[in-house]
Amino acid sequence: MSDYKIKTTALMKEVMANYFKGLESGEKKIAWCTSVGPAELLRSFGFEVYFPENHGALLGATRTAMDHIPEAVKCGYSGHVCSYTTSDIGSFLKKDSPLQTHYGMKGVPKPDIIVYNTNQCREVEDWFSFYADHFQCPIEGIQPPRYLDEVTEDEVELVVKQFKRIIPACELVSGENFNMENLKKVLRLSKEATLLWQKVLKTSTAMNAPISFFDGTIHMGPIVVLRGTQVAKDYYTTLLAELEDNVANNRGFLPQATTRIFWEGMPIWGKLRMMSDLFTSSNSAVVASTYCSSWVFDQFDENDPWNSMARAYTEIFINRSEKAKMEVLKKWFKEYSIDGIVYHDSKTCFSNSNAKFGMPQRLSKETGVPSLVIEGDLCDLRFFSEGQSITKIETFLEQLEDNKMIAR
């Protein structure tokens, strides 16, 4: 096993701990927001922003999700809908959260306002409405057109109107009038951080990649929860410098990788370490993913904030048609020199599972890149067969290696 470590991980843990502690400081009002929702608009009003999906991932990563899902099922939430939703609601009902054990918090912070964007899925509306009802606080939603080949000015104009409809509620709750200069400043910081994060991910186009998909799921924390802050920009400046130095000095997480893999879909949060070890023990480097790139918003433009935010949040990968997704994947296959793609067919995340309508077969036929589909879930490990998945992945990787040997 390699002794390679990303040193900036220690800073990431400190940044995340400070973020969570800040949610309980009482210094700012709290807005809840979806992970690819309008965090910039909320921050322009001075809200501290909390992301329930981040809490869902934490429940998955700490393997506590399955303790809480049955509690939500008792309330009528199906065990087959988003396990972020069911584990998060169940955790709340049981008053038991990893935020208590890991960060010393009392629990999730009480929202003053809740805002969602259904660009990822419809479940977020039902999920967040549960909390709006419980806390009796305002809830505002953005519902953009979905599954588009191309996002046109018509769609952008529609989403801009929805963005602007949120303003009165934000003004009422925050006690502050909307300030365009504040929004431009936050959007500029968000753009700078997101471009740094994109550069971080692209360091793994190097043949001796310095960051894996599994590392990326950890280091993406600040771009999710601190987007639009100087803290996020500073963090990715530091991380990028370390990774670029590693590339320059040919240091990577798996120096003798025989195959390079693309991960499509959600992480299996409770099995990150197991999966990481499985691929590296087979000398296979998982160098890129659709998931980690979900927080690259290079369309942001402080000089055109409304249109650029609407476009960025509507053009995200998960919100596009299969045709549009395939074009993006083709580009990434070339950019990262991909030998094979693994699709995670997540059983409770229908919107972010792209192996249901023939895409793996079509894409492999068009690109020549072999594919494998594994079944699992983001949080609910009852949908994941470890033994079966290990066998499938090891067989797939052996076949890829054999194909490369024959090609030589």
Protein backbone atom coordinates (compact mmCIF):
# COMPACT_ATOMS: atom_id res chain seq x y z
CA MET A 1 0.00 0.00 0.00
CA SER A 2 1.23 3.47 -0.84
CA ASP A 3 2.01 5.86 2.02
CA TYR A 4 0.80 8.77 -0.12
CA LYS A 5 -1.24 11.31 1.82
CA ILE A 6 -2.83 14.65 0.96
CA LYS A 7 -1.49 16.94 3.69
CA THR A 8 -4.21 19.56 3.20
CA THR A 9 -6.72 17.05 4.62
CA ALA A 10 -5.88 18.33 8.11
CA LEU A 11 -6.85 21.87 7.04
CA MET A 12 -10.06 20.56 5.47
CA LYS A 13 -11.09 18.97 8.79
CA GLU A 14 -10.40 22.26 10.57
CA VAL A 15 -12.39 24.27 7.99
CA MET A 16 -15.38 21.94 8.23
CA ALA A 17 -15.31 21.91 12.04
CA ASN A 18 -15.27 25.72 12.11
CA TYR A 19 -18.18 25.82 9.67
CA PHE A 20 -20.34 23.53 11.79
CA LYS A 21 -19.47 25.33 15.01
CA GLY A 22 -20.40 28.62 13.34
CA LEU A 23 -23.91 27.32 12.74
CA GLU A 24 -24.50 27.31 16.50
CA SER A 25 -22.84 30.63 17.28
CA GLY A 26 -26.12 32.53 17.03
CA GLU A 27 -24.33 35.38 15.23
CA LYS A 28 -26.29 34.96 11.99
CA LYS A 29 -29.71 33.78 10.96
CA ILE A 30 -29.80 30.33 9.38
CA ALA A 31 -30.99 29.46 5.88
CA TRP A 32 -31.30 25.84 4.83
CA CYS A 33 -30.46 25.18 1.19
CA THR A 34 -30.12 22.31 -1.27
CA SER A 35 -26.51 21.48 -2.15
CA VAL A 36 -26.83 22.90 -5.67
CA GLY A 37 -29.29 25.58 -4.66
CA PRO A 38 -28.97 29.37 -4.55
CA ALA A 39 -26.45 29.59 -1.71
CA GLU A 40 -24.97 32.78 -3.20
CA LEU A 41 -28.28 34.64 -3.00
CA LEU A 42 -28.77 33.53 0.61
CA ARG A 43 -25.26 34.54 1.62
CA SER A 44 -25.76 37.97 0.07
CA PHE A 45 -28.40 38.55 2.77
CA GLY A 46 -25.96 37.56 5.50
CA PHE A 47 -27.44 34.14 6.24
CA GLU A 48 -25.30 31.29 7.50
CA VAL A 49 -26.22 28.44 5.16
CA TYR A 50 -26.85 24.83 6.21
CA PHE A 51 -27.15 21.94 3.74
CA PRO A 52 -29.25 18.91 4.78
CA GLU A 53 -27.76 16.82 1.94
CA ASN A 54 -24.35 17.26 3.55
CA HIS A 55 -25.90 15.87 6.73
CA GLY A 56 -27.32 12.95 4.71
CA ALA A 57 -23.85 12.18 3.36
CA LEU A 58 -22.48 12.34 6.91
CA LEU A 59 -25.12 9.85 8.05
CA GLY A 60 -24.07 7.57 5.20
CA ALA A 61 -20.34 7.92 5.79
CA THR A 62 -20.70 7.22 9.51
CA ARG A 63 -22.92 4.20 8.72
CA THR A 64 -25.64 5.45 11.03
CA ALA A 65 -28.20 6.01 8.25
CA MET A 66 -29.75 2.56 8.58
CA ASP A 67 -30.42 3.18 12.28
CA HIS A 68 -32.61 6.14 11.32
CA ILE A 69 -34.34 5.21 8.04
CA PRO A 70 -37.00 3.03 9.75
CA GLU A 71 -38.07 6.02 11.85
CA ALA A 72 -38.95 7.97 8.68
CA VAL A 73 -40.65 4.91 7.18
CA LYS A 74 -42.97 4.85 10.23
CA CYS A 75 -44.11 8.36 9.20
CA GLY A 76 -45.03 7.19 5.71
CA TYR A 77 -41.79 7.89 3.83
CA SER A 78 -41.06 4.97 1.54
CA GLY A 79 -37.83 3.07 2.09
CA HIS A 80 -37.32 3.33 -1.67
CA VAL A 81 -37.14 7.14 -1.86
CA CYS A 82 -33.89 9.09 -1.41
CA SER A 83 -32.04 7.65 1.57
CA TYR A 84 -30.62 11.11 2.29
CA THR A 85 -34.24 12.13 2.92
CA THR A 86 -35.26 9.15 5.03
CA SER A 87 -32.05 8.94 7.07
CA ASP A 88 -32.04 12.70 7.70
CA ILE A 89 -35.68 12.84 8.78
CA GLY A 90 -35.25 9.70 10.87
CA SER A 91 -32.16 11.17 12.52
CA PHE A 92 -34.09 14.33 13.36
CA LEU A 93 -37.03 12.41 14.82
CA LYS A 94 -34.70 10.32 16.98
CA LYS A 95 -32.72 13.44 18.01
CA ASP A 96 -29.51 11.60 17.12
CA SER A 97 -26.99 13.12 14.71
CA PRO A 98 -23.29 12.69 13.86
CA LEU A 99 -23.13 16.50 14.30
CA GLN A 100 -23.41 15.83 18.04
CA THR A 101 -20.63 13.26 18.27
CA HIS A 102 -18.27 14.71 15.65
CA TYR A 103 -18.70 18.45 16.17
CA GLY A 104 -20.23 18.80 19.63
CA MET A 105 -23.40 20.41 18.25
CA LYS A 106 -26.82 20.08 19.88
CA GLY A 107 -28.18 18.79 16.58
CA VAL A 108 -29.18 20.32 13.26
CA PRO A 109 -29.47 24.13 13.43
CA LYS A 110 -32.98 25.59 13.53
CA PRO A 111 -33.85 27.22 10.17
CA ASP A 112 -35.14 30.76 9.83
CA ILE A 113 -35.89 30.14 6.14
CA ILE A 114 -35.66 27.11 3.85
CA VAL A 115 -34.88 27.28 0.12
CA TYR A 116 -34.63 24.38 -2.34
CA ASN A 117 -33.93 23.82 -6.02
CA THR A 118 -35.39 20.74 -7.74
CA ASN A 119 -32.59 20.72 -10.34
CA GLN A 120 -31.39 17.50 -8.67
CA CYS A 121 -34.66 15.71 -7.91
CA ARG A 122 -38.24 16.21 -6.78
CA GLU A 123 -37.56 14.63 -3.36
CA VAL A 124 -35.90 17.77 -2.00
CA GLU A 125 -39.23 19.61 -2.07
CA ASP A 126 -40.96 16.95 0.04
CA TRP A 127 -37.92 16.57 2.29
CA PHE A 128 -37.56 20.28 3.00
CA SER A 129 -41.33 20.76 3.34
CA PHE A 130 -41.26 18.33 6.28
CA TYR A 131 -38.95 20.74 8.12
CA ALA A 132 -40.83 23.88 7.06
CA ASP A 133 -43.97 22.35 8.57
CA HIS A 134 -42.15 21.32 11.74
CA PHE A 135 -40.37 24.63 12.34
CA GLN A 136 -43.21 26.76 10.95
CA CYS A 137 -40.75 28.79 8.88
CA PRO A 138 -40.94 30.20 5.33
CA ILE A 139 -40.02 27.87 2.47
CA GLU A 140 -39.21 28.96 -1.08
CA GLY A 141 -38.52 26.78 -4.09
CA ILE A 142 -36.96 26.92 -7.55
CA GLN A 143 -38.28 24.37 -10.05
CA PRO A 144 -36.32 24.59 -13.30
CA PRO A 145 -37.11 22.67 -16.49
CA ARG A 146 -35.38 19.30 -16.46
CA TYR A 147 -33.81 16.72 -18.83
CA LEU A 148 -32.93 19.21 -21.55
CA ASP A 149 -30.53 18.65 -24.45
CA GLU A 150 -29.76 22.35 -24.37
CA VAL A 151 -30.60 25.11 -21.89
CA THR A 152 -31.87 28.08 -23.92
CA GLU A 153 -32.59 31.69 -22.99
CA ASP A 154 -36.24 30.73 -22.44
CA GLU A 155 -35.31 28.37 -19.61
CA VAL A 156 -32.82 30.83 -18.15
CA GLU A 157 -35.42 33.61 -18.12
CA LEU A 158 -37.91 31.34 -16.34
CA VAL A 159 -35.39 30.39 -13.63
CA VAL A 160 -34.29 34.02 -13.15
CA LYS A 161 -37.91 34.92 -12.35
CA GLN A 162 -38.01 32.13 -9.79
CA PHE A 163 -34.74 33.31 -8.22
CA LYS A 164 -36.09 36.84 -7.89
CA ARG A 165 -39.32 35.61 -6.30
CA ILE A 166 -37.24 34.45 -3.31
CA ILE A 167 -36.02 37.98 -2.54
CA PRO A 168 -39.03 39.28 -0.54
CA ALA A 169 -38.97 36.31 1.84
CA CYS A 170 -35.20 36.72 2.34
CA GLU A 171 -35.66 40.43 3.04
CA LEU A 172 -38.43 39.77 5.54
CA VAL A 173 -36.54 37.06 7.45
CA SER A 174 -33.10 38.71 7.37
CA GLY A 175 -34.30 42.26 8.00
CA GLU A 176 -31.99 43.36 5.18
CA ASN A 177 -32.84 44.84 1.79
CA PHE A 178 -31.48 43.04 -1.25
CA ASN A 179 -28.06 44.46 -2.18
CA MET A 180 -26.74 43.79 -5.68
CA GLU A 181 -23.15 44.60 -4.68
CA ASN A 182 -23.32 41.98 -1.93
CA LEU A 183 -24.57 39.40 -4.44
CA LYS A 184 -21.82 40.28 -6.92
CA LYS A 185 -19.16 39.93 -4.23
CA VAL A 186 -20.46 36.54 -3.08
CA LEU A 187 -20.81 35.33 -6.67
CA ARG A 188 -17.24 36.40 -7.47
CA LEU A 189 -15.91 34.44 -4.47
CA SER A 190 -18.05 31.47 -5.46
CA LYS A 191 -16.75 31.54 -9.04
CA GLU A 192 -13.13 31.81 -7.87
CA ALA A 193 -13.54 28.86 -5.50
CA THR A 194 -15.38 26.73 -8.04
CA LEU A 195 -12.67 27.31 -10.68
CA LEU A 196 -10.01 26.30 -8.14
CA TRP A 197 -12.01 23.15 -7.36
CA GLN A 198 -12.20 22.41 -11.09
CA LYS A 199 -8.40 22.74 -11.33
CA VAL A 200 -8.05 20.43 -8.31
CA LEU A 201 -10.07 17.75 -10.10
CA LYS A 202 -8.18 18.26 -13.35
CA THR A 203 -4.81 17.54 -11.68
CA SER A 204 -5.85 13.90 -12.08
CA THR A 205 -5.55 14.16 -15.84
CA ALA A 206 -1.87 13.55 -14.99
CA MET A 207 -0.90 9.90 -15.52
CA ASN A 208 0.27 9.71 -11.90
CA ALA A 209 -2.90 11.24 -10.50
CA PRO A 210 -2.56 13.11 -7.16
CA ILE A 211 -6.24 12.85 -6.09
CA SER A 212 -8.74 10.02 -6.51
CA PHE A 213 -12.51 10.12 -6.78
CA PHE A 214 -12.65 8.82 -3.20
CA ASP A 215 -10.38 11.65 -1.98
CA GLY A 216 -12.52 14.09 -3.95
CA THR A 217 -15.70 13.11 -2.09
CA ILE A 218 -13.99 14.25 1.12
CA HIS A 219 -12.28 17.39 -0.19
CA MET A 220 -15.44 18.67 -1.89
CA GLY A 221 -16.87 19.55 1.56
CA PRO A 222 -15.93 23.25 1.48
CA ILE A 223 -17.19 23.84 -2.08
CA VAL A 224 -20.57 22.46 -1.02
CA VAL A 225 -21.07 24.18 2.33
CA LEU A 226 -18.85 27.28 2.04
CA ARG A 227 -19.36 28.29 -1.58
CA GLY A 228 -19.30 32.08 -1.84
CA THR A 229 -16.86 32.61 1.05
CA GLN A 230 -13.21 33.59 1.27
CA VAL A 231 -12.64 30.49 3.41
CA ALA A 232 -13.54 28.18 0.51
CA LYS A 233 -11.35 30.10 -1.92
CA ASP A 234 -8.39 30.00 0.47
CA TYR A 235 -8.86 26.29 1.12
CA TYR A 236 -8.78 25.32 -2.57
CA THR A 237 -5.85 27.63 -3.22
CA THR A 238 -3.89 25.63 -0.63
CA LEU A 239 -5.09 22.22 -1.84
CA LEU A 240 -4.37 23.04 -5.50
CA ALA A 241 -0.84 24.19 -4.69
CA GLU A 242 -0.11 20.87 -2.96
CA LEU A 243 -1.56 18.76 -5.77
CA GLU A 244 0.19 20.74 -8.53
CA ASP A 245 3.47 20.29 -6.65
CA ASN A 246 2.77 16.55 -6.49
CA VAL A 247 2.13 16.45 -10.24
CA ALA A 248 5.33 18.40 -10.93
CA ASN A 249 7.28 15.90 -8.81
CA ASN A 250 5.46 12.82 -10.14
CA ARG A 251 3.84 11.96 -6.81
CA GLY A 252 0.45 10.30 -7.00
CA PHE A 253 -1.89 8.13 -4.99
CA LEU A 254 -1.22 5.04 -7.17
CA PRO A 255 2.08 5.36 -9.08
CA GLN A 256 1.83 2.04 -10.94
CA ALA A 257 -1.80 2.23 -11.99
CA THR A 258 -2.54 -0.17 -14.84
CA THR A 259 -6.05 1.12 -15.54
CA ARG A 260 -7.82 4.47 -15.13
CA ILE A 261 -11.48 4.40 -14.11
CA PHE A 262 -14.36 6.88 -14.26
CA TRP A 263 -16.99 6.66 -11.50
CA GLU A 264 -20.49 7.63 -12.63
CA GLY A 265 -23.15 8.38 -10.05
CA MET A 266 -23.34 8.83 -6.30
CA PRO A 267 -20.72 7.56 -3.85
CA ILE A 268 -21.59 4.59 -1.66
CA TRP A 269 -20.86 6.65 1.43
CA GLY A 270 -20.61 3.81 3.93
CA LYS A 271 -18.14 1.91 1.73
CA LEU A 272 -15.75 4.64 0.56
CA ARG A 273 -12.68 3.14 2.21
CA MET A 274 -13.53 -0.39 1.16
CA MET A 275 -14.06 0.70 -2.44
CA SER A 276 -10.90 2.80 -2.49
CA ASP A 277 -8.84 -0.12 -1.19
CA LEU A 278 -10.49 -2.52 -3.65
CA PHE A 279 -9.49 -0.46 -6.69
CA THR A 280 -5.98 0.39 -5.52
CA SER A 281 -5.26 -3.26 -4.59
CA SER A 282 -6.07 -4.08 -8.23
CA ASN A 283 -3.70 -1.30 -9.40
CA SER A 284 -6.65 0.64 -10.75
CA ALA A 285 -6.94 4.41 -10.26
CA VAL A 286 -10.42 5.96 -10.05
CA VAL A 287 -9.39 9.37 -11.36
CA ALA A 288 -12.63 11.18 -12.24
CA SER A 289 -16.36 11.25 -11.61
CA THR A 290 -19.55 13.04 -12.53
CA TYR A 291 -20.34 13.50 -8.83
CA CYS A 292 -17.37 15.62 -7.73
CA SER A 293 -17.76 17.84 -10.79
CA SER A 294 -21.32 18.70 -9.71
CA TRP A 295 -19.94 21.76 -7.88
CA VAL A 296 -18.08 23.30 -10.81
CA PHE A 297 -20.07 26.39 -11.81
CA ASP A 298 -17.75 28.00 -14.34
CA GLN A 299 -20.68 29.93 -15.89
CA PHE A 300 -20.95 32.25 -12.87
CA ASP A 301 -20.43 35.88 -13.88
CA GLU A 302 -20.61 38.69 -11.33
CA ASN A 303 -21.33 41.13 -14.17
CA ASP A 304 -24.45 39.16 -15.12
CA PRO A 305 -25.43 37.53 -11.81
CA TRP A 306 -29.04 36.56 -12.44
CA ASN A 307 -28.64 34.97 -15.85
CA SER A 308 -25.35 33.28 -14.99
CA MET A 309 -26.66 31.79 -11.74
CA ALA A 310 -29.84 30.58 -13.43
CA ARG A 311 -27.87 29.00 -16.26
CA ALA A 312 -25.24 27.42 -13.99
CA TYR A 313 -27.80 25.83 -11.69
CA THR A 314 -29.96 24.59 -14.59
CA GLU A 315 -27.11 23.22 -16.73
CA ILE A 316 -25.74 20.90 -14.04
CA PHE A 317 -25.10 17.34 -15.23
CA ILE A 318 -27.85 15.68 -13.17
CA ASN A 319 -30.47 18.01 -14.67
CA ARG A 320 -29.69 17.22 -18.33
CA SER A 321 -30.93 14.78 -20.95
CA GLU A 322 -29.13 11.49 -21.56
CA LYS A 323 -27.92 12.87 -24.90
CA ALA A 324 -26.34 15.89 -23.19
CA LYS A 325 -24.83 13.70 -20.45
CA MET A 326 -23.24 11.39 -23.00
CA GLU A 327 -21.53 14.31 -24.74
CA VAL A 328 -20.05 15.45 -21.41
CA LEU A 329 -18.85 11.93 -20.59
CA LYS A 330 -17.23 11.50 -24.01
CA LYS A 331 -15.21 14.65 -23.40
CA TRP A 332 -14.14 13.53 -19.93
CA PHE A 333 -13.12 10.07 -21.17
CA LYS A 334 -10.58 11.69 -23.49
CA GLU A 335 -9.45 14.33 -21.01
CA TYR A 336 -8.73 11.81 -18.24
CA SER A 337 -7.52 8.94 -20.51
CA ILE A 338 -10.22 6.62 -19.18
CA ASP A 339 -9.97 2.84 -19.68
CA GLY A 340 -13.33 1.90 -18.14
CA ILE A 341 -16.40 3.39 -16.46
CA VAL A 342 -18.22 2.08 -13.39
CA TYR A 343 -21.88 3.12 -13.07
CA HIS A 344 -23.33 3.09 -9.57
CA ASP A 345 -27.03 2.29 -9.96
CA SER A 346 -28.17 3.84 -6.69
CA LYS A 347 -31.47 2.27 -5.70
CA THR A 348 -32.94 5.29 -3.87
CA CYS A 349 -31.42 8.01 -6.06
CA PHE A 350 -33.23 7.55 -9.36
CA SER A 351 -32.27 10.99 -10.68
CA ASN A 352 -28.54 10.41 -10.30
CA SER A 353 -28.45 6.84 -11.62
CA ASN A 354 -27.68 6.79 -15.33
CA ALA A 355 -27.64 3.04 -15.99
CA LYS A 356 -31.41 2.53 -16.31
CA PHE A 357 -32.12 3.46 -19.93
CA GLY A 358 -29.29 1.89 -21.93
CA MET A 359 -26.68 4.63 -21.58
CA PRO A 360 -23.81 2.25 -20.62
CA GLN A 361 -24.31 0.19 -23.77
CA ARG A 362 -24.75 3.18 -26.07
CA LEU A 363 -21.78 5.05 -24.66
CA SER A 364 -19.50 2.00 -24.78
CA LYS A 365 -20.49 1.43 -28.41
CA GLU A 366 -19.72 5.04 -29.35
CA THR A 367 -16.46 5.40 -27.39
CA GLY A 368 -15.07 1.88 -27.06
CA VAL A 369 -14.79 2.44 -23.29
CA PRO A 370 -16.05 -0.70 -21.46
CA SER A 371 -18.60 -0.28 -18.68
CA LEU A 372 -19.70 -2.03 -15.51
CA VAL A 373 -22.90 -1.45 -13.52
CA ILE A 374 -22.92 -2.11 -9.79
CA GLU A 375 -26.02 -1.86 -7.63
CA GLY A 376 -26.00 -0.09 -4.30
CA ASP A 377 -27.14 3.09 -2.61
CA LEU A 378 -25.82 6.37 -1.26
CA CYS A 379 -26.79 5.60 2.37
CA ASP A 380 -28.90 2.45 2.65
CA LEU A 381 -26.40 -0.43 2.60
CA ARG A 382 -29.20 -3.00 2.50
CA PHE A 383 -29.21 -2.39 -1.26
CA PHE A 384 -25.50 -3.18 -1.56
CA SER A 385 -24.01 -6.68 -1.80
CA GLU A 386 -20.34 -6.34 -0.88
CA GLY A 387 -19.28 -9.82 -1.97
CA GLN A 388 -21.07 -9.64 -5.31
CA SER A 389 -19.75 -6.13 -6.01
CA ILE A 390 -16.16 -7.10 -5.20
CA THR A 391 -16.36 -10.06 -7.60
CA LYS A 392 -17.87 -7.94 -10.38
CA ILE A 393 -15.34 -5.13 -9.98
CA GLU A 394 -12.29 -7.41 -9.76
CA THR A 395 -13.42 -9.32 -12.86
CA PHE A 396 -14.05 -6.07 -14.76
CA LEU A 397 -10.62 -4.67 -13.85
CA GLU A 398 -8.89 -7.91 -14.89
CA GLN A 399 -10.65 -7.76 -18.25
CA LEU A 400 -9.59 -4.13 -18.74
CA GLU A 401 -5.99 -5.01 -17.96
CA ASP A 402 -6.09 -7.96 -20.35
CA ASN A 403 -7.54 -5.74 -23.08
CA LYS A 404 -4.71 -3.23 -22.62
CA MET A 405 -2.10 -5.99 -22.78
CA ILE A 406 -3.62 -7.33 -26.02
CA ALA A 407 -3.76 -3.81 -27.49
CA ARG A 408 -0.03 -3.41 -26.94
